[in-house]
């Protein structure tokens, strides 16, 4: 899972703009552009199955971040990767997801995106929102 400014998933490939950061300046009152580029490997024996996926934004203390309306910042989806004919037994298949979150206004502090598949944590992407006078990297 890679933090970025924006991402797209097209034809099983990820297209990423401004990717690979872990610090961003607080840009109030404008919202911070934020995307997640996600590549998952689906085991051969899990192809052609519905795999639930949930992505949540938490503070570094594990508290759910909410949007301006008070709803948790999260996304729920499902993967189902088809196994092509002739694929050698045991070969994992790629699954690409791109999520873009618009209008997020985050206070200075530490956060983490948590990806869960089938209610098990599979990936974490921590980042920090810095004060307006500190640079982003």
N, C-alpha and C. Protein backbone atom coordinates (compact mmCIF):
# COMPACT_ATOMS: atom_id res chain seq x y z
N UNK A 1 0.86 -1.16 0.00
CA UNK A 1 0.00 0.00 0.00
C UNK A 1 0.90 1.22 0.00
N UNK A 2 0.69 2.12 -0.95
CA UNK A 2 1.54 3.30 -1.14
C UNK A 2 0.69 4.56 -1.03
N UNK A 3 1.12 5.50 -0.20
CA UNK A 3 0.46 6.80 -0.11
C UNK A 3 0.83 7.63 -1.33
N UNK A 4 -0.15 8.36 -1.87
CA UNK A 4 0.11 9.19 -3.03
C UNK A 4 -0.89 10.35 -3.07
N UNK A 5 -0.67 11.25 -4.00
CA UNK A 5 -1.62 12.35 -4.18
C UNK A 5 -2.86 11.87 -4.92
N UNK A 6 -2.67 10.93 -5.85
CA UNK A 6 -3.78 10.41 -6.64
C UNK A 6 -3.35 9.09 -7.28
N UNK A 7 -4.30 8.18 -7.47
CA UNK A 7 -4.00 6.89 -8.11
C UNK A 7 -5.18 6.43 -8.95
N UNK A 8 -4.87 5.62 -9.95
CA UNK A 8 -5.88 4.97 -10.79
C UNK A 8 -5.47 3.53 -10.98
N UNK A 9 -6.46 2.66 -11.09
CA UNK A 9 -6.24 1.26 -11.43
C UNK A 9 -6.90 1.02 -12.78
N UNK A 10 -6.08 0.70 -13.78
CA UNK A 10 -6.59 0.49 -15.13
C UNK A 10 -5.98 -0.79 -15.68
N UNK A 11 -6.81 -1.73 -16.04
CA UNK A 11 -6.32 -2.96 -16.64
C UNK A 11 -5.37 -3.74 -15.75
N UNK A 12 -5.59 -3.68 -14.44
CA UNK A 12 -4.74 -4.41 -13.51
C UNK A 12 -3.43 -3.73 -13.17
N UNK A 13 -3.23 -2.51 -13.70
CA UNK A 13 -2.01 -1.75 -13.40
C UNK A 13 -2.37 -0.53 -12.58
N UNK A 14 -1.41 -0.06 -11.77
CA UNK A 14 -1.60 1.15 -10.98
C UNK A 14 -0.89 2.32 -11.64
N UNK A 15 -1.59 3.45 -11.75
CA UNK A 15 -1.03 4.69 -12.24
C UNK A 15 -1.06 5.67 -11.07
N UNK A 16 0.13 6.17 -10.68
CA UNK A 16 0.30 6.90 -9.43
C UNK A 16 0.87 8.29 -9.70
N UNK A 17 0.27 9.30 -9.06
CA UNK A 17 0.78 10.67 -9.10
C UNK A 17 1.22 11.05 -7.69
N UNK A 18 2.41 11.60 -7.58
CA UNK A 18 2.90 12.08 -6.28
C UNK A 18 2.97 10.99 -5.25
N UNK A 19 3.52 9.84 -5.60
CA UNK A 19 3.52 8.69 -4.70
C UNK A 19 4.76 8.56 -3.85
N UNK A 20 4.60 7.87 -2.72
CA UNK A 20 5.72 7.50 -1.89
C UNK A 20 6.03 8.46 -0.77
N UNK A 21 5.08 9.25 -0.32
CA UNK A 21 5.36 10.19 0.76
C UNK A 21 4.91 9.63 2.11
N UNK A 22 5.48 10.19 3.17
CA UNK A 22 5.08 9.80 4.53
C UNK A 22 4.85 11.02 5.42
N UNK A 23 5.10 12.22 4.87
CA UNK A 23 4.83 13.45 5.59
C UNK A 23 4.15 14.43 4.65
N UNK A 24 3.18 15.14 5.18
CA UNK A 24 2.46 16.14 4.39
C UNK A 24 2.21 17.35 5.27
N UNK A 25 2.28 18.56 4.69
CA UNK A 25 2.00 19.74 5.50
C UNK A 25 0.50 19.89 5.74
N UNK A 26 0.14 20.42 6.89
CA UNK A 26 -1.25 20.79 7.15
C UNK A 26 -1.56 21.95 6.21
N UNK A 27 -2.59 21.84 5.41
CA UNK A 27 -2.86 22.85 4.38
C UNK A 27 -4.22 23.51 4.57
N UNK A 28 -4.65 23.63 5.81
CA UNK A 28 -5.94 24.26 6.10
C UNK A 28 -5.96 25.67 5.50
N UNK A 29 -7.07 26.14 4.97
CA UNK A 29 -8.34 25.46 4.93
C UNK A 29 -8.51 24.51 3.73
N UNK A 30 -7.52 24.45 2.83
CA UNK A 30 -7.64 23.52 1.71
C UNK A 30 -7.49 22.09 2.22
N UNK A 31 -8.05 21.17 1.47
CA UNK A 31 -7.97 19.76 1.85
C UNK A 31 -6.72 19.12 1.24
N UNK A 32 -6.17 18.19 1.96
CA UNK A 32 -4.98 17.46 1.53
C UNK A 32 -5.38 16.42 0.49
N UNK A 33 -4.76 16.44 -0.71
CA UNK A 33 -5.06 15.38 -1.67
C UNK A 33 -4.42 14.08 -1.20
N UNK A 34 -5.18 13.00 -1.20
CA UNK A 34 -4.63 11.75 -0.71
C UNK A 34 -5.24 10.57 -1.45
N UNK A 35 -4.34 9.71 -1.91
CA UNK A 35 -4.76 8.48 -2.56
C UNK A 35 -3.99 7.31 -1.98
N UNK A 36 -4.50 6.13 -2.22
CA UNK A 36 -3.83 4.90 -1.84
C UNK A 36 -3.73 4.02 -3.08
N UNK A 37 -2.52 3.62 -3.39
CA UNK A 37 -2.29 2.66 -4.48
C UNK A 37 -2.00 1.32 -3.80
N UNK A 38 -2.81 0.33 -4.09
CA UNK A 38 -2.73 -0.94 -3.36
C UNK A 38 -2.54 -2.08 -4.35
N UNK A 39 -1.50 -2.88 -4.10
CA UNK A 39 -1.26 -4.09 -4.87
C UNK A 39 -1.34 -5.26 -3.90
N UNK A 40 -2.23 -6.19 -4.20
CA UNK A 40 -2.37 -7.38 -3.36
C UNK A 40 -2.07 -8.61 -4.21
N UNK A 41 -1.48 -9.59 -3.58
CA UNK A 41 -1.28 -10.88 -4.23
C UNK A 41 -2.33 -11.85 -3.71
N UNK A 42 -3.10 -12.39 -4.63
CA UNK A 42 -4.14 -13.34 -4.26
C UNK A 42 -3.59 -14.74 -4.49
N UNK A 43 -3.55 -15.57 -3.44
CA UNK A 43 -3.03 -16.92 -3.60
C UNK A 43 -3.84 -17.72 -4.62
N UNK A 44 -3.17 -18.65 -5.29
CA UNK A 44 -3.79 -19.46 -6.33
C UNK A 44 -5.08 -20.12 -5.84
N UNK A 45 -5.04 -20.62 -4.61
CA UNK A 45 -6.22 -21.33 -4.09
C UNK A 45 -7.33 -20.40 -3.61
N UNK A 46 -7.14 -19.05 -3.69
CA UNK A 46 -8.18 -18.09 -3.31
C UNK A 46 -8.75 -17.36 -4.53
N UNK A 47 -8.30 -17.75 -5.73
CA UNK A 47 -8.86 -17.13 -6.93
C UNK A 47 -10.31 -17.58 -7.09
N UNK A 48 -11.08 -16.78 -7.82
CA UNK A 48 -12.49 -17.04 -8.07
C UNK A 48 -13.32 -17.06 -6.78
N UNK A 49 -12.83 -16.36 -5.75
CA UNK A 49 -13.56 -16.21 -4.48
C UNK A 49 -13.76 -14.74 -4.18
N UNK A 50 -14.82 -14.44 -3.49
CA UNK A 50 -15.13 -13.08 -3.04
C UNK A 50 -14.32 -12.82 -1.76
N UNK A 51 -13.41 -11.83 -1.79
CA UNK A 51 -12.56 -11.50 -0.65
C UNK A 51 -12.90 -10.08 -0.19
N UNK A 52 -13.57 -9.93 0.97
CA UNK A 52 -13.91 -8.59 1.47
C UNK A 52 -12.65 -7.83 1.91
N UNK A 53 -12.63 -6.52 1.58
CA UNK A 53 -11.50 -5.65 1.91
C UNK A 53 -12.06 -4.37 2.54
N UNK A 54 -11.40 -3.93 3.62
CA UNK A 54 -11.79 -2.68 4.27
C UNK A 54 -10.53 -1.88 4.54
N UNK A 55 -10.59 -0.58 4.22
CA UNK A 55 -9.48 0.33 4.45
C UNK A 55 -10.00 1.42 5.39
N UNK A 56 -9.26 1.66 6.49
CA UNK A 56 -9.69 2.65 7.48
C UNK A 56 -8.55 3.61 7.80
N UNK A 57 -8.90 4.86 8.09
CA UNK A 57 -7.92 5.84 8.53
C UNK A 57 -8.06 6.01 10.04
N UNK A 58 -6.93 5.80 10.73
CA UNK A 58 -6.90 5.90 12.19
C UNK A 58 -5.84 6.90 12.63
N UNK A 59 -5.99 7.43 13.84
CA UNK A 59 -4.91 8.21 14.43
C UNK A 59 -3.86 7.23 14.92
N UNK A 60 -2.69 7.73 15.32
CA UNK A 60 -1.66 6.85 15.84
C UNK A 60 -2.06 6.19 17.16
N UNK A 61 -3.16 6.63 17.73
CA UNK A 61 -3.69 6.02 18.95
C UNK A 61 -4.79 5.01 18.67
N UNK A 62 -5.04 4.76 17.38
CA UNK A 62 -6.05 3.77 17.00
C UNK A 62 -7.47 4.28 16.96
N UNK A 63 -7.66 5.59 17.01
CA UNK A 63 -8.99 6.19 16.99
C UNK A 63 -9.38 6.46 15.54
N UNK A 64 -10.59 6.07 15.17
CA UNK A 64 -11.08 6.29 13.80
C UNK A 64 -11.16 7.78 13.50
N UNK A 65 -10.63 8.17 12.35
CA UNK A 65 -10.73 9.55 11.87
C UNK A 65 -12.09 9.71 11.20
N UNK A 66 -12.75 10.84 11.45
CA UNK A 66 -14.05 11.09 10.86
C UNK A 66 -13.98 12.28 9.90
N UNK A 67 -14.92 12.31 8.96
CA UNK A 67 -14.98 13.42 8.02
C UNK A 67 -15.81 14.55 8.62
N UNK A 68 -16.05 15.60 7.84
CA UNK A 68 -16.78 16.77 8.32
C UNK A 68 -18.19 16.42 8.78
N UNK A 69 -18.78 15.35 8.23
CA UNK A 69 -20.13 14.94 8.60
C UNK A 69 -20.13 13.97 9.79
N UNK A 70 -18.94 13.62 10.29
CA UNK A 70 -18.85 12.73 11.43
C UNK A 70 -18.79 11.25 11.08
N UNK A 71 -18.72 10.94 9.79
CA UNK A 71 -18.64 9.53 9.36
C UNK A 71 -17.18 9.08 9.34
N UNK A 72 -16.91 7.83 9.68
CA UNK A 72 -15.53 7.35 9.64
C UNK A 72 -14.96 7.42 8.22
N UNK A 73 -13.68 7.76 8.11
CA UNK A 73 -13.01 7.79 6.81
C UNK A 73 -12.56 6.37 6.54
N UNK A 74 -13.29 5.71 5.65
CA UNK A 74 -13.02 4.32 5.33
C UNK A 74 -13.63 3.97 3.98
N UNK A 75 -13.21 2.85 3.46
CA UNK A 75 -13.75 2.33 2.20
C UNK A 75 -13.88 0.82 2.35
N UNK A 76 -14.95 0.29 1.82
CA UNK A 76 -15.18 -1.15 1.83
C UNK A 76 -15.41 -1.60 0.41
N UNK A 77 -14.74 -2.68 0.03
CA UNK A 77 -14.89 -3.23 -1.31
C UNK A 77 -14.66 -4.73 -1.24
N UNK A 78 -14.61 -5.36 -2.36
CA UNK A 78 -14.32 -6.80 -2.42
C UNK A 78 -13.48 -7.08 -3.66
N UNK A 79 -12.62 -8.06 -3.53
CA UNK A 79 -11.81 -8.51 -4.65
C UNK A 79 -12.32 -9.87 -5.10
N UNK A 80 -12.24 -10.08 -6.38
CA UNK A 80 -12.45 -11.43 -6.93
C UNK A 80 -11.58 -11.52 -8.17
N UNK A 81 -10.54 -12.31 -8.08
CA UNK A 81 -9.59 -12.45 -9.18
C UNK A 81 -9.82 -13.80 -9.84
N UNK A 82 -10.05 -13.76 -11.14
CA UNK A 82 -10.25 -15.00 -11.88
C UNK A 82 -8.94 -15.68 -12.23
N UNK A 83 -8.95 -16.98 -12.18
CA UNK A 83 -7.76 -17.75 -12.53
C UNK A 83 -7.81 -18.09 -14.01
N UNK A 84 -6.84 -17.62 -14.78
CA UNK A 84 -6.85 -17.91 -16.21
C UNK A 84 -6.52 -19.39 -16.48
N UNK A 85 -7.02 -19.92 -17.60
CA UNK A 85 -6.71 -21.31 -17.94
C UNK A 85 -5.21 -21.52 -18.09
N UNK A 86 -4.73 -22.64 -17.62
CA UNK A 86 -3.34 -23.00 -17.80
C UNK A 86 -2.38 -22.39 -16.78
N UNK A 87 -2.89 -21.61 -15.83
CA UNK A 87 -2.01 -21.03 -14.81
C UNK A 87 -1.42 -22.14 -13.96
N UNK A 88 -0.10 -22.19 -13.82
CA UNK A 88 0.51 -23.25 -13.01
C UNK A 88 0.01 -23.20 -11.56
N UNK A 89 -0.24 -24.37 -11.02
CA UNK A 89 -0.71 -24.49 -9.64
C UNK A 89 0.26 -23.77 -8.71
N UNK A 90 -0.30 -22.97 -7.78
CA UNK A 90 0.50 -22.24 -6.80
C UNK A 90 0.87 -20.83 -7.20
N UNK A 91 0.59 -20.42 -8.43
CA UNK A 91 0.93 -19.07 -8.89
C UNK A 91 -0.04 -18.05 -8.29
N UNK A 92 0.50 -17.05 -7.60
CA UNK A 92 -0.33 -15.97 -7.06
C UNK A 92 -0.68 -14.98 -8.17
N UNK A 93 -1.83 -14.33 -8.03
CA UNK A 93 -2.27 -13.35 -9.02
C UNK A 93 -2.34 -11.97 -8.41
N UNK A 94 -2.00 -10.96 -9.22
CA UNK A 94 -2.05 -9.56 -8.78
C UNK A 94 -3.48 -9.05 -8.75
N UNK A 95 -3.74 -8.19 -7.79
CA UNK A 95 -4.99 -7.42 -7.74
C UNK A 95 -4.59 -5.98 -7.43
N UNK A 96 -5.07 -5.03 -8.21
CA UNK A 96 -4.72 -3.62 -8.02
C UNK A 96 -5.97 -2.83 -7.62
N UNK A 97 -5.81 -2.03 -6.58
CA UNK A 97 -6.88 -1.14 -6.13
C UNK A 97 -6.33 0.27 -6.03
N UNK A 98 -7.12 1.24 -6.41
CA UNK A 98 -6.75 2.65 -6.26
C UNK A 98 -7.90 3.36 -5.57
N UNK A 99 -7.60 4.02 -4.48
CA UNK A 99 -8.61 4.78 -3.73
C UNK A 99 -8.14 6.21 -3.60
N UNK A 100 -9.05 7.14 -3.83
CA UNK A 100 -8.75 8.55 -3.69
C UNK A 100 -9.74 9.16 -2.70
N UNK A 101 -9.22 9.91 -1.76
CA UNK A 101 -10.04 10.53 -0.73
C UNK A 101 -9.97 12.03 -0.92
N UNK A 102 -11.09 12.61 -1.25
CA UNK A 102 -11.16 14.04 -1.54
C UNK A 102 -11.71 14.78 -0.32
N UNK A 103 -11.21 15.97 -0.10
CA UNK A 103 -11.76 16.82 0.94
C UNK A 103 -11.34 16.47 2.36
N UNK A 104 -10.26 15.70 2.52
CA UNK A 104 -9.78 15.39 3.87
C UNK A 104 -9.03 16.59 4.44
N UNK A 105 -9.44 17.03 5.59
CA UNK A 105 -8.71 18.07 6.30
C UNK A 105 -8.24 17.45 7.60
N UNK A 106 -6.95 17.25 7.71
CA UNK A 106 -6.38 16.58 8.87
C UNK A 106 -5.55 17.54 9.70
N UNK A 107 -5.68 17.43 10.99
CA UNK A 107 -4.89 18.24 11.91
C UNK A 107 -3.47 17.68 11.98
N UNK A 108 -2.58 18.50 12.48
CA UNK A 108 -1.21 18.05 12.68
C UNK A 108 -1.21 16.82 13.59
N UNK A 109 -0.42 15.82 13.21
CA UNK A 109 -0.36 14.60 14.01
C UNK A 109 0.01 13.40 13.17
N UNK A 110 -0.01 12.23 13.81
CA UNK A 110 0.34 10.98 13.14
C UNK A 110 -0.90 10.15 12.88
N UNK A 111 -0.91 9.51 11.71
CA UNK A 111 -2.06 8.73 11.25
C UNK A 111 -1.56 7.43 10.62
N UNK A 112 -2.50 6.53 10.39
CA UNK A 112 -2.16 5.29 9.69
C UNK A 112 -3.39 4.79 8.92
N UNK A 113 -3.16 4.42 7.68
CA UNK A 113 -4.18 3.71 6.90
C UNK A 113 -4.00 2.23 7.20
N UNK A 114 -5.09 1.55 7.48
CA UNK A 114 -5.06 0.13 7.79
C UNK A 114 -5.91 -0.61 6.77
N UNK A 115 -5.31 -1.59 6.12
CA UNK A 115 -6.02 -2.43 5.16
C UNK A 115 -6.29 -3.78 5.80
N UNK A 116 -7.56 -4.18 5.81
CA UNK A 116 -7.94 -5.48 6.34
C UNK A 116 -8.60 -6.28 5.23
N UNK A 117 -8.21 -7.51 5.10
CA UNK A 117 -8.86 -8.45 4.18
C UNK A 117 -9.37 -9.60 5.03
N UNK A 118 -10.66 -9.84 4.91
CA UNK A 118 -11.31 -10.88 5.71
C UNK A 118 -11.06 -10.67 7.20
N UNK A 119 -11.17 -9.41 7.64
CA UNK A 119 -11.05 -9.02 9.05
C UNK A 119 -9.67 -9.26 9.65
N UNK A 120 -8.64 -9.39 8.82
CA UNK A 120 -7.26 -9.51 9.31
C UNK A 120 -6.44 -8.38 8.72
N UNK A 121 -5.65 -7.73 9.55
CA UNK A 121 -4.80 -6.63 9.07
C UNK A 121 -3.74 -7.19 8.13
N UNK A 122 -3.71 -6.66 6.92
CA UNK A 122 -2.76 -7.11 5.91
C UNK A 122 -1.70 -6.07 5.58
N UNK A 123 -2.03 -4.78 5.78
CA UNK A 123 -1.07 -3.72 5.46
C UNK A 123 -1.38 -2.48 6.27
N UNK A 124 -0.32 -1.71 6.54
CA UNK A 124 -0.44 -0.44 7.25
C UNK A 124 0.42 0.59 6.51
N UNK A 125 -0.09 1.81 6.39
CA UNK A 125 0.67 2.89 5.77
C UNK A 125 0.62 4.10 6.70
N UNK A 126 1.63 4.24 7.57
CA UNK A 126 1.65 5.38 8.50
C UNK A 126 2.13 6.66 7.81
N UNK A 127 1.66 7.79 8.29
CA UNK A 127 2.12 9.08 7.79
C UNK A 127 1.90 10.14 8.85
N UNK A 128 2.51 11.27 8.63
CA UNK A 128 2.41 12.38 9.59
C UNK A 128 2.01 13.65 8.85
N UNK A 129 1.09 14.39 9.45
CA UNK A 129 0.72 15.72 8.96
C UNK A 129 1.49 16.70 9.83
N UNK A 130 2.34 17.51 9.18
CA UNK A 130 3.21 18.44 9.89
C UNK A 130 2.58 19.81 9.97
N UNK A 131 3.20 20.68 10.75
CA UNK A 131 2.75 22.07 10.85
C UNK A 131 2.97 22.79 9.53
N UNK A 132 2.30 23.91 9.33
CA UNK A 132 2.39 24.63 8.05
C UNK A 132 3.79 25.14 7.71
N UNK A 133 4.66 25.27 8.67
CA UNK A 133 6.01 25.80 8.40
C UNK A 133 7.04 24.70 8.19
N UNK A 134 6.63 23.43 8.25
CA UNK A 134 7.54 22.32 8.05
C UNK A 134 7.34 21.76 6.65
N UNK A 135 8.39 21.30 6.01
CA UNK A 135 8.31 20.80 4.65
C UNK A 135 7.78 19.38 4.59
N UNK A 136 7.29 18.97 3.42
CA UNK A 136 6.81 17.62 3.18
C UNK A 136 7.90 16.83 2.49
N UNK A 137 7.94 15.51 2.79
CA UNK A 137 8.88 14.63 2.10
C UNK A 137 8.18 13.36 1.69
